[in-house]
Every structure is written in structure tokens, then in C-alpha cells.
Amino acid sequence: MTDTRIVLDDDTRQLLGKVADRLGGSQPEAPMHAASRLYEALLCSQEKHGLTDAAFAAEQLLLAAAPQVRPGQTRGEYATLLRLVAEGVHP
């Protein structure tokens, strides 16, 4: 079997944690939407790097690492999943 996990750099792990903190800290029982995944990746990347090429690159790496949102998933559940990805526990 092939291991398909992505090797994450420190910046991506930190951004995954930041997104998880934001999602889990505000309305964790609310439904998670695919648009929120995209918005949080953009917002957190730009907060960290400003409006730069580095922010764009960080956003792309973050989106590659962040799993797609599953139907019925809450913000809190998705936050937990992001933390597992950041820790290397979930592919």
C-alpha cells in the first residue's frame, strides 16, 4: 500500500492549528461549509504573510493539507480533523 500523506512544513502546521482554533472557538456545533474552508485558508494565510506571494503559496499548501469538508460535519469536528492532520495522525 502506498503512503499518500503530505509532508507538512512548519508554516502549514501552524496555519492548520490557527484555522482549527478559529473554527473550534466560534460556533463549533454549527455546520461546516466548503466555502468556510476556503475562506479560513485565505484569511489565515494573509494574516500571517500579508498580501504577498508567500501568502498565496501558504494558502495553496494549507488547502492541499486540509481535507475536504464532509456532509454533516460540524465546525468543531472539522477543527479536530485539522489538528490531527497537523500532528501527522490523519492522512
C-alpha atoms as a PDB file:
ATOM      1  CA  MET A   1       0.000   0.000   0.000  1.00  0.00           C
ATOM      2  CA  THR A   2       1.240   3.478  -0.871  1.00  0.00           C
ATOM      3  CA  ASP A   3       1.503   6.165   1.821  1.00  0.00           C
ATOM      4  CA  THR A   4      -0.262   9.250   0.430  1.00  0.00           C
ATOM      5  CA  ARG A   5       0.322  11.582   3.360  1.00  0.00           C
ATOM      6  CA  ILE A   6       1.677  15.023   2.618  1.00  0.00           C
ATOM      7  CA  VAL A   7       4.838  16.106   4.445  1.00  0.00           C
ATOM      8  CA  LEU A   8       3.901  19.387   6.088  1.00  0.00           C
ATOM      9  CA  ASP A   9       6.251  22.270   6.728  1.00  0.00           C
ATOM     10  CA  ASP A  10       6.128  24.211   9.998  1.00  0.00           C
ATOM     11  CA  ASP A  11       4.192  27.089   8.442  1.00  0.00           C
ATOM     12  CA  THR A  12       1.435  24.783   7.167  1.00  0.00           C
ATOM     13  CA  ARG A  13       1.173  23.008  10.546  1.00  0.00           C
ATOM     14  CA  GLN A  14       0.870  26.375  12.289  1.00  0.00           C
ATOM     15  CA  LEU A  15      -1.779  27.564   9.850  1.00  0.00           C
ATOM     16  CA  LEU A  16      -3.757  24.332  10.258  1.00  0.00           C
ATOM     17  CA  GLY A  17      -3.723  24.971  14.004  1.00  0.00           C
ATOM     18  CA  LYS A  18      -4.822  28.572  13.563  1.00  0.00           C
ATOM     19  CA  VAL A  19      -7.741  27.578  11.333  1.00  0.00           C
ATOM     20  CA  ALA A  20      -8.687  24.837  13.793  1.00  0.00           C
ATOM     21  CA  ASP A  21      -8.624  27.314  16.681  1.00  0.00           C
ATOM     22  CA  ARG A  22     -10.857  29.742  14.786  1.00  0.00           C
ATOM     23  CA  LEU A  23     -13.375  27.088  13.753  1.00  0.00           C
ATOM     24  CA  GLY A  24     -13.443  25.333  17.120  1.00  0.00           C
ATOM     25  CA  GLY A  25     -13.584  28.575  19.060  1.00  0.00           C
ATOM     26  CA  SER A  26     -16.607  30.069  17.313  1.00  0.00           C
ATOM     27  CA  GLN A  27     -19.839  28.120  16.912  1.00  0.00           C
ATOM     28  CA  PRO A  28     -18.245  24.658  16.960  1.00  0.00           C
ATOM     29  CA  GLU A  29     -21.652  22.952  16.706  1.00  0.00           C
ATOM     30  CA  ALA A  30     -22.599  24.853  13.538  1.00  0.00           C
ATOM     31  CA  PRO A  31     -22.346  23.111  10.177  1.00  0.00           C
ATOM     32  CA  MET A  32     -19.013  23.352   8.405  1.00  0.00           C
ATOM     33  CA  HIS A  33     -19.199  24.517   4.803  1.00  0.00           C
ATOM     34  CA  ALA A  34     -16.708  24.102   1.966  1.00  0.00           C
ATOM     35  CA  ALA A  35     -16.704  27.873   1.486  1.00  0.00           C
ATOM     36  CA  SER A  36     -15.571  28.311   5.111  1.00  0.00           C
ATOM     37  CA  ARG A  37     -12.583  26.036   4.420  1.00  0.00           C
ATOM     38  CA  LEU A  38     -11.536  28.259   1.532  1.00  0.00           C
ATOM     39  CA  TYR A  39     -12.192  31.500   3.421  1.00  0.00           C
ATOM     40  CA  GLU A  40     -10.262  30.464   6.529  1.00  0.00           C
ATOM     41  CA  ALA A  41      -7.287  29.312   4.450  1.00  0.00           C
ATOM     42  CA  LEU A  42      -7.173  32.660   2.662  1.00  0.00           C
ATOM     43  CA  LEU A  43      -7.709  34.720   5.806  1.00  0.00           C
ATOM     44  CA  CYS A  44      -5.158  32.932   7.977  1.00  0.00           C
ATOM     45  CA  SER A  45      -2.530  32.875   5.232  1.00  0.00           C
ATOM     46  CA  GLN A  46      -2.917  36.596   4.599  1.00  0.00           C
ATOM     47  CA  GLU A  47      -2.940  37.414   8.319  1.00  0.00           C
ATOM     48  CA  LYS A  48       0.396  35.654   8.685  1.00  0.00           C
ATOM     49  CA  HIS A  49       2.113  36.745   5.459  1.00  0.00           C
ATOM     50  CA  GLY A  50       0.260  39.874   4.338  1.00  0.00           C
ATOM     51  CA  LEU A  51      -0.876  40.379   0.766  1.00  0.00           C
ATOM     52  CA  THR A  52       2.181  38.671  -0.711  1.00  0.00           C
ATOM     53  CA  ASP A  53       3.200  35.802  -2.928  1.00  0.00           C
ATOM     54  CA  ALA A  54       4.167  33.978   0.268  1.00  0.00           C
ATOM     55  CA  ALA A  55       0.554  34.202   1.448  1.00  0.00           C
ATOM     56  CA  PHE A  56      -0.673  32.706  -1.821  1.00  0.00           C
ATOM     57  CA  ALA A  57       1.853  29.859  -1.573  1.00  0.00           C
ATOM     58  CA  ALA A  58       0.936  29.232   2.077  1.00  0.00           C
ATOM     59  CA  GLU A  59      -2.766  29.190   1.204  1.00  0.00           C
ATOM     60  CA  GLN A  60      -2.189  26.608  -1.536  1.00  0.00           C
ATOM     61  CA  LEU A  61      -0.185  24.351   0.800  1.00  0.00           C
ATOM     62  CA  LEU A  62      -2.822  24.748   3.512  1.00  0.00           C
ATOM     63  CA  LEU A  63      -5.633  23.789   1.133  1.00  0.00           C
ATOM     64  CA  ALA A  64      -3.645  20.778  -0.087  1.00  0.00           C
ATOM     65  CA  ALA A  65      -3.260  19.592   3.506  1.00  0.00           C
ATOM     66  CA  ALA A  66      -6.796  20.351   4.693  1.00  0.00           C
ATOM     67  CA  PRO A  67      -9.267  17.558   3.891  1.00  0.00           C
ATOM     68  CA  GLN A  68     -12.468  18.308   2.034  1.00  0.00           C
ATOM     69  CA  VAL A  69     -15.482  19.032   4.229  1.00  0.00           C
ATOM     70  CA  ARG A  70     -17.785  16.042   4.672  1.00  0.00           C
ATOM     71  CA  PRO A  71     -21.582  16.356   4.602  1.00  0.00           C
ATOM     72  CA  GLY A  72     -22.988  16.859   8.090  1.00  0.00           C
ATOM     73  CA  GLN A  73     -19.617  17.771   9.597  1.00  0.00           C
ATOM     74  CA  THR A  74     -19.587  20.497  12.246  1.00  0.00           C
ATOM     75  CA  ARG A  75     -17.012  23.243  12.591  1.00  0.00           C
ATOM     76  CA  GLY A  76     -15.749  21.590  15.775  1.00  0.00           C
ATOM     77  CA  GLU A  77     -15.392  18.185  14.136  1.00  0.00           C
ATOM     78  CA  TYR A  78     -13.520  19.716  11.228  1.00  0.00           C
ATOM     79  CA  ALA A  79     -11.273  21.614  13.656  1.00  0.00           C
ATOM     80  CA  THR A  80     -10.385  18.325  15.348  1.00  0.00           C
ATOM     81  CA  LEU A  81      -9.602  16.775  11.973  1.00  0.00           C
ATOM     82  CA  LEU A  82      -7.289  19.680  11.096  1.00  0.00           C
ATOM     83  CA  ARG A  83      -5.426  19.239  14.380  1.00  0.00           C
ATOM     84  CA  LEU A  84      -4.931  15.540  13.609  1.00  0.00           C
ATOM     85  CA  VAL A  85      -3.583  16.418  10.157  1.00  0.00           C
ATOM     86  CA  ALA A  86      -1.206  18.967  11.683  1.00  0.00           C
ATOM     87  CA  GLU A  87       0.066  16.335  14.125  1.00  0.00           C
ATOM     88  CA  GLY A  88       0.587  13.830  11.289  1.00  0.00           C
ATOM     89  CA  VAL A  89      -2.017  11.424  12.673  1.00  0.00           C
ATOM     90  CA  HIS A  90      -4.527  11.718   9.817  1.00  0.00           C
ATOM     91  CA  PRO A  91      -3.505  11.495   6.168  1.00  0.00           C
END
